[in-house]
Amino acid sequence: MVRPGPSAGGRPPVATPARLAAALGHRLPPRAARIGLLGGSFNPAHGGHLHISREALKRLNLDEVWWLVAPQNPLKAQDCMAPLAERLQGARGIAKDRRIRVSPLEALLGTERTAASLALLTGRLPGRRFVWLMGADNMIGIDRWHDWPRIFALLPVAVLARPSYSVRASSSKAAVRLRKGRLPEVQARRLADWPTPAWVLLRCRLSSLSATKLRQARKG
């Protein structure tokens, strides 16, 4: 899902605990912390991201949510992508909640795909209870992601229903394949503790804002 950020020697920097701490504001989470991971381009970040994050914090009983701002999404055109530093700054301006951290962790890890990023992150920070967060629109198309079943094998997944997407998400290729791992919505607060593969669809009234609409408005 992401493009690596290489070091001067052509390789990404080693994701040591000290570098991870720096990328997280010099504060590593304690063991057993319950952390939601929201990945994406954030091109730009907007109130919808903040709303999804606060819903996840409440409905999934999370301690924190991390916005993983991707260097580059290979499913999106590069010519419309703002620089990483600009997107990080914009995301930090939107994420006005002490429980939400904005980070370029994927650039630090130097991985090209989400599954590989999550494998490295969970390996570097053992003992934390991570949950992958995504909108229902991503659930519909996640079968196009590289090695997507590995994501569900690594972490429990929460799919937050966006307007007009929840029905299609429930009948998507991934949902059908993983139907035995789906939890009822009433069990959402226990998702972080559930053995994988496990996922839940959270139905909630979400913002209809999108980064595409915001970019179009700016051009106009």
Protein backbone atom coordinates (compact mmCIF):
# COMPACT_ATOMS: atom_id res chain seq x y z
CA MET A 1 0.00 0.00 0.00
CA VAL A 2 2.90 2.35 0.58
CA ARG A 3 6.17 3.28 -1.06
CA PRO A 4 9.30 3.16 1.13
CA GLY A 5 11.25 6.21 2.19
CA PRO A 6 14.88 5.23 1.55
CA SER A 7 17.86 6.54 3.44
CA ALA A 8 20.79 8.24 1.76
CA GLY A 9 22.34 4.85 1.07
CA GLY A 10 19.24 3.65 -0.80
CA ARG A 11 17.81 1.65 2.07
CA PRO A 12 15.20 2.66 4.65
CA PRO A 13 16.56 3.42 8.14
CA VAL A 14 16.46 0.57 10.62
CA ALA A 15 13.29 0.80 12.71
CA THR A 16 14.99 0.60 16.11
CA PRO A 17 12.94 1.23 19.28
CA ALA A 18 14.53 4.69 19.50
CA ARG A 19 13.50 5.57 15.92
CA LEU A 20 10.02 4.21 16.51
CA ALA A 21 9.73 6.30 19.65
CA ALA A 22 10.85 9.39 17.73
CA ALA A 23 8.26 8.72 15.01
CA LEU A 24 5.61 8.47 17.76
CA GLY A 25 6.48 11.70 19.52
CA HIS A 26 9.12 10.11 21.77
CA ARG A 27 6.51 8.10 23.63
CA LEU A 28 6.13 4.35 23.08
CA PRO A 29 2.84 2.83 24.23
CA PRO A 30 2.89 0.49 27.23
CA ARG A 31 2.48 -3.24 26.73
CA ALA A 32 -1.15 -4.33 26.51
CA ALA A 33 -2.13 -0.92 25.11
CA ARG A 34 -5.07 -1.20 22.72
CA ILE A 35 -4.21 0.70 19.56
CA GLY A 36 -6.19 1.31 16.40
CA LEU A 37 -4.17 1.77 13.20
CA LEU A 38 -5.70 3.97 10.49
CA GLY A 39 -3.55 3.93 7.37
CA GLY A 40 -3.94 6.04 4.28
CA SER A 41 -2.69 8.86 2.14
CA PHE A 42 -4.44 11.59 4.18
CA ASN A 43 -4.36 13.67 1.01
CA PRO A 44 -5.62 15.71 2.76
CA ALA A 45 -6.70 14.68 6.26
CA HIS A 46 -10.19 15.89 7.14
CA GLY A 47 -12.90 15.76 9.76
CA GLY A 48 -14.08 12.38 8.54
CA HIS A 49 -10.79 10.82 9.64
CA LEU A 50 -11.19 12.40 13.07
CA HIS A 51 -14.77 11.18 13.37
CA ILE A 52 -13.85 7.60 12.41
CA SER A 53 -11.02 7.64 14.94
CA ARG A 54 -13.21 8.86 17.78
CA GLU A 55 -15.87 6.29 16.94
CA ALA A 56 -13.21 3.57 17.01
CA LEU A 57 -11.83 4.77 20.35
CA LYS A 58 -15.30 4.60 21.87
CA ARG A 59 -16.80 1.55 20.19
CA LEU A 60 -13.68 -0.66 20.28
CA ASN A 61 -12.48 0.35 23.76
CA LEU A 62 -9.12 1.58 22.41
CA ASP A 63 -6.47 3.56 24.25
CA GLU A 64 -5.08 5.28 21.15
CA VAL A 65 -5.47 5.57 17.39
CA TRP A 66 -2.45 6.07 15.14
CA TRP A 67 -2.78 7.72 11.76
CA LEU A 68 -0.17 6.06 9.54
CA VAL A 69 0.40 8.61 6.79
CA ALA A 70 1.66 6.68 3.77
CA PRO A 71 4.52 7.99 1.60
CA GLN A 72 2.66 6.82 -1.51
CA ASN A 73 -0.39 4.68 -2.25
CA PRO A 74 0.30 2.56 -5.38
CA LEU A 75 -3.45 2.44 -6.09
CA LYS A 76 -3.53 6.24 -6.50
CA ALA A 77 -1.88 8.53 -9.04
CA GLN A 78 1.33 10.17 -7.84
CA ASP A 79 0.72 13.42 -9.68
CA CYS A 80 -2.14 14.39 -7.33
CA MET A 81 -0.30 13.39 -4.14
CA ALA A 82 0.96 16.18 -1.91
CA PRO A 83 4.43 15.76 -0.34
CA LEU A 84 4.57 13.59 2.78
CA ALA A 85 5.66 16.48 5.02
CA GLU A 86 2.70 18.57 3.87
CA ARG A 87 0.23 15.73 4.50
CA LEU A 88 1.70 15.06 7.94
CA GLN A 89 1.37 18.72 8.88
CA GLY A 90 -2.22 18.79 7.68
CA ALA A 91 -3.08 15.61 9.57
CA ARG A 92 -1.62 16.97 12.80
CA GLY A 93 -3.73 20.08 12.41
CA ILE A 94 -6.89 17.96 12.13
CA ALA A 95 -6.10 15.34 14.82
CA LYS A 96 -6.94 17.51 17.78
CA ASP A 97 -7.25 14.71 20.31
CA ARG A 98 -4.51 13.62 22.69
CA ARG A 99 -5.42 9.98 22.01
CA ILE A 100 -4.64 10.30 18.29
CA ARG A 101 -1.06 10.20 17.05
CA VAL A 102 0.00 11.15 13.52
CA SER A 103 3.11 9.38 12.29
CA PRO A 104 5.20 8.58 9.18
CA LEU A 105 5.87 5.11 10.59
CA GLU A 106 5.47 3.37 7.23
CA ALA A 107 8.25 5.48 5.72
CA LEU A 108 10.47 4.53 8.66
CA LEU A 109 9.68 0.83 8.30
CA GLY A 110 10.54 1.07 4.61
CA THR A 111 7.94 -1.44 3.47
CA GLU A 112 5.98 -1.21 0.23
CA ARG A 113 2.72 -2.90 1.28
CA THR A 114 0.34 -2.76 4.21
CA ALA A 115 0.68 -6.42 5.16
CA ALA A 116 4.47 -6.12 5.38
CA SER A 117 4.20 -2.87 7.35
CA LEU A 118 1.88 -4.43 9.91
CA ALA A 119 4.08 -7.51 10.26
CA LEU A 120 7.12 -5.35 10.99
CA LEU A 121 5.29 -2.99 13.33
CA THR A 122 3.77 -5.76 15.44
CA GLY A 123 7.17 -7.46 15.55
CA ARG A 124 8.93 -4.29 16.73
CA LEU A 125 6.28 -3.55 19.38
CA PRO A 126 5.26 -6.89 20.88
CA GLY A 127 2.58 -7.13 23.51
CA ARG A 128 0.48 -4.26 22.16
CA ARG A 129 -3.04 -5.06 20.99
CA PHE A 130 -3.35 -3.55 17.54
CA VAL A 131 -6.54 -3.30 15.49
CA TRP A 132 -6.56 -2.34 11.81
CA LEU A 133 -9.18 0.31 11.05
CA MET A 134 -10.67 1.01 7.65
CA GLY A 135 -13.74 2.39 5.99
CA ALA A 136 -16.33 0.14 4.39
CA ASP A 137 -15.25 1.37 0.95
CA ASN A 138 -11.81 -0.18 1.54
CA MET A 139 -13.40 -3.47 2.59
CA ILE A 140 -15.13 -3.59 -0.79
CA GLY A 141 -11.84 -3.36 -2.67
CA ILE A 142 -9.33 -4.87 -0.26
CA ASP A 143 -9.05 -8.02 -2.39
CA ARG A 144 -6.98 -5.87 -4.78
CA TRP A 145 -4.41 -5.19 -2.05
CA HIS A 146 -1.20 -7.18 -2.08
CA ASP A 147 -1.34 -10.20 0.27
CA TRP A 148 -4.56 -8.91 1.82
CA PRO A 149 -5.46 -12.13 3.75
CA ARG A 150 -2.27 -11.61 5.76
CA ILE A 151 -3.68 -8.36 7.14
CA PHE A 152 -6.61 -10.25 8.67
CA ALA A 153 -4.25 -12.96 9.92
CA LEU A 154 -2.02 -10.41 11.67
CA LEU A 155 -4.61 -8.15 13.31
CA PRO A 156 -8.30 -7.97 14.14
CA VAL A 157 -10.00 -5.58 11.71
CA ALA A 158 -12.73 -3.02 12.31
CA VAL A 159 -14.67 -1.87 9.26
CA LEU A 160 -16.44 1.44 9.88
CA ALA A 161 -19.53 1.84 7.74
CA ARG A 162 -19.60 4.93 5.56
CA PRO A 163 -22.77 6.20 3.90
CA SER A 164 -24.00 3.84 1.15
CA TYR A 165 -21.14 1.36 1.64
CA SER A 166 -22.14 -0.99 4.49
CA VAL A 167 -24.30 -3.41 2.45
CA ARG A 168 -21.69 -3.77 -0.28
CA ALA A 169 -18.95 -4.24 2.32
CA SER A 170 -20.89 -7.08 3.97
CA SER A 171 -21.16 -8.93 0.64
CA SER A 172 -17.66 -8.16 -0.64
CA LYS A 173 -15.20 -10.84 -1.68
CA ALA A 174 -13.21 -10.46 1.53
CA ALA A 175 -16.32 -10.51 3.73
CA VAL A 176 -17.59 -13.70 2.11
CA ARG A 177 -14.21 -15.40 2.42
CA LEU A 178 -13.86 -14.36 6.07
CA ARG A 179 -17.50 -14.78 7.12
CA LYS A 180 -16.57 -17.21 9.91
CA GLY A 181 -14.35 -14.57 11.48
CA ARG A 182 -17.00 -11.87 11.60
CA LEU A 183 -18.08 -10.83 15.08
CA PRO A 184 -21.49 -9.42 15.92
CA GLU A 185 -21.42 -5.69 16.45
CA VAL A 186 -22.26 -6.09 20.14
CA GLN A 187 -18.87 -7.79 20.59
CA ALA A 188 -16.93 -4.84 19.13
CA ARG A 189 -15.40 -3.79 22.47
CA ARG A 190 -13.71 -7.20 22.68
CA LEU A 191 -12.26 -7.13 19.15
CA ALA A 192 -8.70 -6.23 20.21
CA ASP A 193 -8.56 -9.39 22.34
CA TRP A 194 -10.06 -11.75 19.76
CA PRO A 195 -7.90 -14.35 17.97
CA THR A 196 -7.42 -13.66 14.28
CA PRO A 197 -8.91 -13.69 11.76
CA ALA A 198 -11.61 -11.55 13.34
CA TRP A 199 -13.44 -8.51 12.04
CA VAL A 200 -16.49 -6.45 12.81
CA LEU A 201 -18.61 -4.03 10.81
CA LEU A 202 -19.49 -0.97 12.87
CA ARG A 203 -22.60 0.78 11.67
CA CYS A 204 -22.55 4.42 12.63
CA ARG A 205 -23.42 7.78 11.21
CA LEU A 206 -20.18 8.93 9.62
CA SER A 207 -19.11 12.07 7.85
CA SER A 208 -19.56 12.07 4.08
CA LEU A 209 -16.38 14.13 3.68
CA SER A 210 -13.76 12.70 1.37
CA ALA A 211 -10.23 13.74 0.42
CA THR A 212 -11.22 13.67 -3.26
CA LYS A 213 -14.02 16.20 -2.70
CA LEU A 214 -11.72 18.45 -0.70
CA ARG A 215 -9.03 18.40 -3.43
CA GLN A 216 -11.63 19.21 -6.07
CA ALA A 217 -12.95 22.09 -3.96
CA ARG A 218 -9.46 23.51 -3.58
CA LYS A 219 -8.88 23.38 -7.33
CA GLY A 220 -12.18 25.12 -7.89
